[in-house]
N, C-alpha and C. Protein backbone atom coordinates (compact mmCIF):
# COMPACT_ATOMS: atom_id res chain seq x y z
N MET A 1 -4.81 23.59 -52.72
CA MET A 1 -5.39 22.45 -52.05
C MET A 1 -4.31 21.74 -51.26
N LYS A 2 -4.75 21.02 -50.25
CA LYS A 2 -3.81 20.22 -49.47
C LYS A 2 -4.28 18.77 -49.48
N ALA A 3 -3.40 17.87 -49.89
CA ALA A 3 -3.67 16.43 -49.87
C ALA A 3 -2.71 15.79 -48.89
N THR A 4 -3.22 14.93 -48.02
CA THR A 4 -2.38 14.25 -47.03
C THR A 4 -2.46 12.75 -47.22
N GLY A 5 -1.46 12.06 -46.73
CA GLY A 5 -1.46 10.61 -46.80
C GLY A 5 -0.35 10.04 -45.95
N VAL A 6 -0.30 8.74 -45.91
CA VAL A 6 0.78 8.03 -45.25
C VAL A 6 1.47 7.17 -46.31
N PHE A 7 2.73 6.85 -46.05
CA PHE A 7 3.43 5.99 -47.00
C PHE A 7 4.30 5.01 -46.25
N ARG A 8 4.61 3.94 -46.95
CA ARG A 8 5.55 2.95 -46.43
C ARG A 8 6.59 2.67 -47.52
N VAL A 9 7.78 2.45 -47.09
CA VAL A 9 8.85 2.10 -48.00
C VAL A 9 8.77 0.60 -48.23
N GLU A 10 8.53 0.22 -49.48
CA GLU A 10 8.44 -1.21 -49.79
C GLU A 10 9.79 -1.82 -50.11
N THR A 11 10.67 -1.05 -50.74
CA THR A 11 12.04 -1.52 -50.98
C THR A 11 13.01 -0.37 -50.78
N PHE A 12 14.18 -0.69 -50.29
CA PHE A 12 15.30 0.25 -50.15
C PHE A 12 16.54 -0.52 -50.56
N LYS A 13 17.10 -0.15 -51.71
CA LYS A 13 18.24 -0.88 -52.25
C LYS A 13 19.45 0.04 -52.38
N PRO A 14 20.47 -0.16 -51.54
CA PRO A 14 21.69 0.63 -51.70
C PRO A 14 22.28 0.40 -53.08
N ALA A 15 22.82 1.46 -53.65
CA ALA A 15 23.47 1.40 -54.96
C ALA A 15 24.95 1.71 -54.78
N THR A 16 25.73 1.30 -55.75
CA THR A 16 27.16 1.60 -55.68
C THR A 16 27.47 2.78 -56.59
N LEU A 17 28.46 3.52 -56.20
CA LEU A 17 28.94 4.64 -56.99
C LEU A 17 30.38 4.37 -57.38
N ASP A 18 30.73 4.75 -58.58
CA ASP A 18 32.13 4.70 -58.97
C ASP A 18 32.72 6.06 -58.61
N PRO A 19 33.52 6.11 -57.54
CA PRO A 19 34.05 7.41 -57.12
C PRO A 19 35.01 7.98 -58.16
N PRO A 20 35.08 9.30 -58.22
CA PRO A 20 36.05 9.91 -59.14
C PRO A 20 37.47 9.53 -58.72
N ALA A 21 38.40 9.76 -59.58
CA ALA A 21 39.79 9.39 -59.32
C ALA A 21 40.31 9.98 -58.01
N ALA A 22 39.85 11.17 -57.66
CA ALA A 22 40.28 11.83 -56.43
C ALA A 22 39.11 11.87 -55.45
N ALA A 23 38.69 10.70 -54.98
CA ALA A 23 37.56 10.63 -54.05
C ALA A 23 37.89 11.42 -52.79
N ILE A 24 36.91 12.10 -52.25
CA ILE A 24 37.10 12.93 -51.06
C ILE A 24 36.40 12.24 -49.89
N GLU A 25 37.15 11.99 -48.83
CA GLU A 25 36.57 11.39 -47.64
C GLU A 25 36.17 12.49 -46.67
N THR A 26 34.97 12.36 -46.08
CA THR A 26 34.48 13.29 -45.08
C THR A 26 34.11 12.50 -43.83
N ALA A 27 33.69 13.20 -42.78
CA ALA A 27 33.33 12.54 -41.52
C ALA A 27 32.04 11.74 -41.62
N LEU A 28 31.20 12.04 -42.61
CA LEU A 28 29.98 11.28 -42.83
C LEU A 28 30.04 10.62 -44.20
N PRO A 29 29.79 9.32 -44.27
CA PRO A 29 29.84 8.66 -45.58
C PRO A 29 28.66 9.07 -46.46
N VAL A 30 28.91 9.18 -47.75
CA VAL A 30 27.88 9.52 -48.73
C VAL A 30 27.41 8.22 -49.38
N GLY A 31 26.09 8.08 -49.48
CA GLY A 31 25.54 6.88 -50.08
C GLY A 31 24.39 7.22 -51.02
N VAL A 32 24.05 6.26 -51.86
CA VAL A 32 22.95 6.38 -52.81
C VAL A 32 22.13 5.10 -52.72
N ALA A 33 20.81 5.25 -52.84
CA ALA A 33 19.93 4.08 -52.84
C ALA A 33 18.73 4.38 -53.72
N THR A 34 18.04 3.33 -54.11
CA THR A 34 16.75 3.49 -54.78
C THR A 34 15.68 2.94 -53.84
N MET A 35 14.49 3.54 -53.94
CA MET A 35 13.39 3.14 -53.07
C MET A 35 12.11 3.01 -53.89
N HIS A 36 11.22 2.17 -53.41
CA HIS A 36 9.86 2.10 -53.94
C HIS A 36 8.94 2.33 -52.75
N LYS A 37 8.00 3.29 -52.89
CA LYS A 37 7.08 3.63 -51.80
C LYS A 37 5.64 3.44 -52.26
N ARG A 38 4.77 3.14 -51.30
CA ARG A 38 3.33 3.01 -51.54
C ARG A 38 2.62 4.04 -50.66
N TYR A 39 1.68 4.80 -51.25
CA TYR A 39 0.96 5.88 -50.57
C TYR A 39 -0.52 5.54 -50.42
N GLU A 40 -1.10 5.96 -49.30
CA GLU A 40 -2.52 5.77 -49.03
C GLU A 40 -3.10 7.04 -48.42
N GLY A 41 -4.36 7.32 -48.70
CA GLY A 41 -5.05 8.49 -48.17
C GLY A 41 -5.47 9.39 -49.31
N GLU A 42 -5.53 10.70 -49.06
CA GLU A 42 -5.82 11.65 -50.14
C GLU A 42 -4.72 11.62 -51.19
N VAL A 43 -3.54 11.19 -50.78
CA VAL A 43 -2.41 10.90 -51.68
C VAL A 43 -2.38 9.38 -51.81
N SER A 44 -2.67 8.86 -53.00
CA SER A 44 -2.66 7.41 -53.17
C SER A 44 -1.88 7.06 -54.42
N GLY A 45 -1.08 6.02 -54.33
CA GLY A 45 -0.28 5.60 -55.48
C GLY A 45 1.05 5.04 -55.05
N GLN A 46 2.05 5.25 -55.89
CA GLN A 46 3.38 4.72 -55.63
C GLN A 46 4.43 5.67 -56.17
N SER A 47 5.66 5.50 -55.69
CA SER A 47 6.75 6.32 -56.23
C SER A 47 8.01 5.49 -56.36
N ALA A 48 8.84 5.92 -57.29
CA ALA A 48 10.20 5.41 -57.47
C ALA A 48 11.11 6.56 -57.07
N THR A 49 12.07 6.27 -56.18
CA THR A 49 12.87 7.32 -55.56
C THR A 49 14.36 7.06 -55.75
N VAL A 50 15.10 8.12 -56.05
CA VAL A 50 16.56 8.09 -55.98
C VAL A 50 16.91 8.88 -54.72
N PHE A 51 17.59 8.23 -53.79
CA PHE A 51 17.85 8.75 -52.45
C PHE A 51 19.35 8.89 -52.26
N THR A 52 19.82 10.06 -51.89
CA THR A 52 21.24 10.27 -51.59
C THR A 52 21.35 10.83 -50.19
N SER A 53 22.44 10.50 -49.51
CA SER A 53 22.61 11.01 -48.15
C SER A 53 24.07 11.05 -47.74
N ALA A 54 24.32 11.92 -46.78
CA ALA A 54 25.56 11.91 -46.00
C ALA A 54 25.06 11.63 -44.59
N PHE A 55 25.27 10.42 -44.09
CA PHE A 55 24.54 9.98 -42.90
C PHE A 55 25.37 9.01 -42.07
N ASP A 56 25.25 9.13 -40.75
CA ASP A 56 25.89 8.21 -39.81
C ASP A 56 24.81 7.32 -39.22
N GLN A 57 24.79 6.05 -39.59
CA GLN A 57 23.77 5.11 -39.11
C GLN A 57 23.77 4.96 -37.59
N THR A 58 24.93 5.07 -36.97
CA THR A 58 25.04 4.87 -35.53
C THR A 58 24.39 6.00 -34.74
N THR A 59 24.66 7.25 -35.11
CA THR A 59 24.14 8.39 -34.36
C THR A 59 22.84 8.95 -34.94
N GLY A 60 22.53 8.60 -36.18
CA GLY A 60 21.33 9.13 -36.83
C GLY A 60 21.49 10.57 -37.28
N VAL A 61 22.72 11.02 -37.44
CA VAL A 61 23.01 12.40 -37.86
C VAL A 61 23.29 12.43 -39.35
N GLY A 62 22.71 13.42 -40.05
CA GLY A 62 23.01 13.56 -41.46
C GLY A 62 21.98 14.36 -42.22
N THR A 63 22.14 14.32 -43.52
CA THR A 63 21.27 15.04 -44.45
C THR A 63 20.99 14.13 -45.64
N TYR A 64 19.76 14.25 -46.18
CA TYR A 64 19.43 13.49 -47.37
C TYR A 64 18.84 14.42 -48.43
N VAL A 65 18.91 13.99 -49.67
CA VAL A 65 18.24 14.63 -50.80
C VAL A 65 17.62 13.50 -51.62
N ALA A 66 16.33 13.64 -51.95
CA ALA A 66 15.64 12.59 -52.71
C ALA A 66 14.85 13.19 -53.86
N LEU A 67 14.80 12.48 -54.96
CA LEU A 67 13.98 12.85 -56.12
C LEU A 67 13.04 11.68 -56.38
N GLU A 68 11.72 11.99 -56.35
CA GLU A 68 10.72 10.94 -56.51
C GLU A 68 9.90 11.15 -57.77
N SER A 69 9.57 10.06 -58.42
CA SER A 69 8.61 10.04 -59.52
C SER A 69 7.37 9.36 -58.97
N PHE A 70 6.28 10.13 -58.83
CA PHE A 70 5.04 9.65 -58.23
C PHE A 70 4.01 9.37 -59.31
N ALA A 71 3.30 8.25 -59.20
CA ALA A 71 2.18 7.92 -60.08
C ALA A 71 1.01 7.54 -59.19
N GLY A 72 -0.12 8.21 -59.40
CA GLY A 72 -1.29 7.91 -58.58
C GLY A 72 -2.27 9.05 -58.63
N ALA A 73 -2.81 9.41 -57.47
CA ALA A 73 -3.85 10.43 -57.42
C ALA A 73 -3.72 11.31 -56.19
N LEU A 74 -4.07 12.58 -56.35
CA LEU A 74 -4.25 13.52 -55.25
C LEU A 74 -5.72 13.92 -55.28
N HIS A 75 -6.43 13.66 -54.19
CA HIS A 75 -7.88 13.92 -54.14
C HIS A 75 -8.60 13.32 -55.35
N GLY A 76 -8.17 12.17 -55.83
CA GLY A 76 -8.83 11.49 -56.94
C GLY A 76 -8.37 11.93 -58.33
N ALA A 77 -7.61 13.03 -58.44
CA ALA A 77 -7.08 13.47 -59.74
C ALA A 77 -5.86 12.62 -60.06
N GLU A 78 -5.95 11.82 -61.14
CA GLU A 78 -4.89 10.86 -61.45
C GLU A 78 -3.86 11.40 -62.43
N GLY A 79 -2.63 10.99 -62.22
CA GLY A 79 -1.54 11.36 -63.10
C GLY A 79 -0.21 11.01 -62.45
N ALA A 80 0.81 11.70 -62.90
CA ALA A 80 2.16 11.47 -62.38
C ALA A 80 2.89 12.80 -62.33
N PHE A 81 3.89 12.89 -61.47
CA PHE A 81 4.75 14.07 -61.39
C PHE A 81 5.99 13.73 -60.58
N ASN A 82 6.97 14.60 -60.65
CA ASN A 82 8.19 14.47 -59.85
C ASN A 82 8.14 15.45 -58.69
N PHE A 83 8.77 15.05 -57.58
CA PHE A 83 8.99 16.00 -56.50
C PHE A 83 10.34 15.72 -55.85
N VAL A 84 10.90 16.78 -55.28
CA VAL A 84 12.21 16.70 -54.65
C VAL A 84 12.06 17.12 -53.20
N HIS A 85 12.80 16.46 -52.31
CA HIS A 85 12.76 16.84 -50.90
C HIS A 85 14.10 16.53 -50.24
N SER A 86 14.37 17.29 -49.19
CA SER A 86 15.59 17.08 -48.42
C SER A 86 15.36 17.56 -46.99
N ALA A 87 16.17 17.08 -46.09
CA ALA A 87 16.12 17.50 -44.69
C ALA A 87 17.41 17.05 -44.01
N SER A 88 17.65 17.64 -42.86
CA SER A 88 18.78 17.26 -42.02
C SER A 88 18.26 16.80 -40.67
N THR A 89 19.08 16.04 -39.96
CA THR A 89 18.72 15.61 -38.62
C THR A 89 19.97 15.54 -37.75
N SER A 90 19.78 15.86 -36.47
CA SER A 90 20.87 15.67 -35.51
C SER A 90 20.64 14.39 -34.72
N GLY A 91 19.70 13.59 -35.17
CA GLY A 91 19.40 12.31 -34.55
C GLY A 91 17.99 12.21 -34.02
N ALA A 92 17.40 13.32 -33.59
CA ALA A 92 16.05 13.27 -33.02
C ALA A 92 15.16 14.39 -33.54
N ASP A 93 15.56 15.03 -34.63
CA ASP A 93 14.77 16.14 -35.15
C ASP A 93 14.79 16.11 -36.67
N ARG A 94 14.11 17.05 -37.28
CA ARG A 94 14.09 17.19 -38.74
C ARG A 94 14.14 18.69 -39.00
N THR A 95 15.23 19.16 -39.60
CA THR A 95 15.42 20.59 -39.83
C THR A 95 15.80 20.86 -41.27
N GLY A 96 15.71 22.12 -41.66
CA GLY A 96 16.16 22.52 -42.99
C GLY A 96 15.41 21.83 -44.10
N GLU A 97 14.14 21.51 -43.87
CA GLU A 97 13.38 20.76 -44.88
C GLU A 97 13.14 21.60 -46.13
N TYR A 98 13.26 20.93 -47.27
CA TYR A 98 12.95 21.50 -48.58
C TYR A 98 12.06 20.50 -49.29
N PHE A 99 10.98 20.98 -49.94
CA PHE A 99 10.04 20.08 -50.60
C PHE A 99 9.40 20.85 -51.74
N LEU A 100 9.51 20.37 -52.97
CA LEU A 100 9.00 21.08 -54.13
C LEU A 100 8.52 20.09 -55.19
N ILE A 101 7.33 20.36 -55.75
CA ILE A 101 6.87 19.62 -56.92
C ILE A 101 7.64 20.19 -58.11
N VAL A 102 8.28 19.33 -58.88
CA VAL A 102 9.13 19.78 -59.99
C VAL A 102 8.24 20.42 -61.06
N PRO A 103 8.50 21.68 -61.40
CA PRO A 103 7.68 22.37 -62.41
C PRO A 103 7.67 21.62 -63.74
N SER A 104 6.51 21.62 -64.40
CA SER A 104 6.31 21.02 -65.73
C SER A 104 6.50 19.51 -65.76
N SER A 105 6.44 18.84 -64.60
CA SER A 105 6.66 17.39 -64.58
C SER A 105 5.37 16.59 -64.56
N GLY A 106 4.20 17.24 -64.44
CA GLY A 106 2.95 16.53 -64.29
C GLY A 106 2.39 15.95 -65.57
N THR A 107 1.60 14.88 -65.42
CA THR A 107 0.90 14.24 -66.54
C THR A 107 -0.56 14.01 -66.15
N GLY A 108 -1.39 13.67 -67.13
CA GLY A 108 -2.79 13.34 -66.87
C GLY A 108 -3.52 14.50 -66.21
N ALA A 109 -4.38 14.19 -65.25
CA ALA A 109 -5.14 15.22 -64.54
C ALA A 109 -4.23 16.08 -63.66
N LEU A 110 -2.97 15.67 -63.48
CA LEU A 110 -2.00 16.43 -62.69
C LEU A 110 -1.00 17.16 -63.57
N ALA A 111 -1.32 17.31 -64.86
CA ALA A 111 -0.38 17.92 -65.82
C ALA A 111 0.04 19.32 -65.42
N ALA A 112 -0.85 20.11 -64.85
CA ALA A 112 -0.53 21.50 -64.52
C ALA A 112 -0.20 21.68 -63.04
N ILE A 113 0.17 20.61 -62.35
CA ILE A 113 0.43 20.70 -60.91
C ILE A 113 1.65 21.56 -60.60
N ARG A 114 1.55 22.30 -59.51
CA ARG A 114 2.69 23.05 -58.98
C ARG A 114 2.47 23.19 -57.49
N GLY A 115 3.54 23.30 -56.73
CA GLY A 115 3.38 23.47 -55.30
C GLY A 115 4.53 22.92 -54.49
N THR A 116 4.24 22.77 -53.19
CA THR A 116 5.22 22.33 -52.21
C THR A 116 4.61 21.21 -51.38
N GLY A 117 5.21 20.91 -50.26
CA GLY A 117 4.67 19.88 -49.38
C GLY A 117 5.60 19.65 -48.22
N GLY A 118 5.49 18.47 -47.63
CA GLY A 118 6.34 18.13 -46.51
C GLY A 118 6.16 16.69 -46.10
N MET A 119 7.03 16.26 -45.19
CA MET A 119 6.99 14.91 -44.64
C MET A 119 7.24 14.98 -43.16
N ALA A 120 6.70 14.00 -42.44
CA ALA A 120 6.94 13.87 -41.01
C ALA A 120 6.89 12.39 -40.64
N ILE A 121 7.59 12.04 -39.58
CA ILE A 121 7.57 10.67 -39.07
C ILE A 121 7.05 10.74 -37.64
N ASP A 122 5.93 10.05 -37.39
CA ASP A 122 5.35 10.01 -36.05
C ASP A 122 6.21 9.16 -35.11
N ALA A 123 5.97 9.32 -33.82
CA ALA A 123 6.73 8.56 -32.81
C ALA A 123 6.58 7.05 -33.02
N ASP A 124 5.43 6.61 -33.56
CA ASP A 124 5.22 5.18 -33.79
C ASP A 124 5.80 4.69 -35.11
N GLY A 125 6.49 5.60 -35.85
CA GLY A 125 7.13 5.22 -37.11
C GLY A 125 6.28 5.45 -38.35
N THR A 126 5.02 5.93 -38.17
CA THR A 126 4.18 6.23 -39.32
C THR A 126 4.79 7.38 -40.11
N HIS A 127 4.94 7.18 -41.42
CA HIS A 127 5.48 8.22 -42.30
C HIS A 127 4.32 8.97 -42.95
N ARG A 128 4.30 10.28 -42.79
CA ARG A 128 3.24 11.13 -43.34
C ARG A 128 3.79 12.03 -44.43
N VAL A 129 2.96 12.32 -45.42
CA VAL A 129 3.32 13.23 -46.51
C VAL A 129 2.14 14.14 -46.77
N TRP A 130 2.41 15.35 -47.22
CA TRP A 130 1.36 16.25 -47.67
C TRP A 130 1.86 17.08 -48.83
N PHE A 131 0.94 17.41 -49.70
CA PHE A 131 1.21 18.27 -50.84
C PHE A 131 0.30 19.49 -50.73
N ASP A 132 0.87 20.68 -50.76
CA ASP A 132 0.13 21.93 -50.90
C ASP A 132 0.27 22.30 -52.37
N TYR A 133 -0.80 22.11 -53.15
CA TYR A 133 -0.66 22.20 -54.60
C TYR A 133 -1.81 22.96 -55.24
N GLU A 134 -1.55 23.37 -56.46
CA GLU A 134 -2.56 23.98 -57.32
C GLU A 134 -2.49 23.30 -58.67
N LEU A 135 -3.64 23.25 -59.34
CA LEU A 135 -3.71 22.79 -60.71
C LEU A 135 -4.15 23.98 -61.55
N SER A 136 -3.81 24.00 -62.81
CA SER A 136 -4.19 25.11 -63.69
C SER A 136 -5.68 25.39 -63.56
N GLY A 137 -6.03 26.67 -63.37
CA GLY A 137 -7.43 27.08 -63.28
C GLY A 137 -7.97 27.02 -61.87
N GLN A 138 -7.17 26.54 -60.88
CA GLN A 138 -7.62 26.52 -59.49
C GLN A 138 -7.01 27.68 -58.74
N ALA A 139 -7.73 28.21 -57.79
CA ALA A 139 -7.19 29.29 -56.95
C ALA A 139 -6.49 28.72 -55.76
């Protein structure tokens, strides 16, 4: 099945890291933040996200990796699960995308969920998400 929706970031809070004794500096700074998102559509609910990136705010170049804990519904089936996603950008594109529902992470009606998905940002800034998923007993 495919469930689609839009989301908005309600909070984005940069976090601090205690660097190891031999911190390594690169051309792109590495950062960590936490986020809270709200979803609407066939995907409805909220998520708590741990977001990491190597990113240049000025040029928009970098890569991110995020792990989300989602609680809500896909096509009305309620529960919770984790998903991981990452992508790179050269400032005006989205490449190397990875998106996976974490195996064995589902609860409730989504307990047997497995699958993939994706994200896109429209020119007007609308953030879109989709899950291509299966539940136990579904083809």
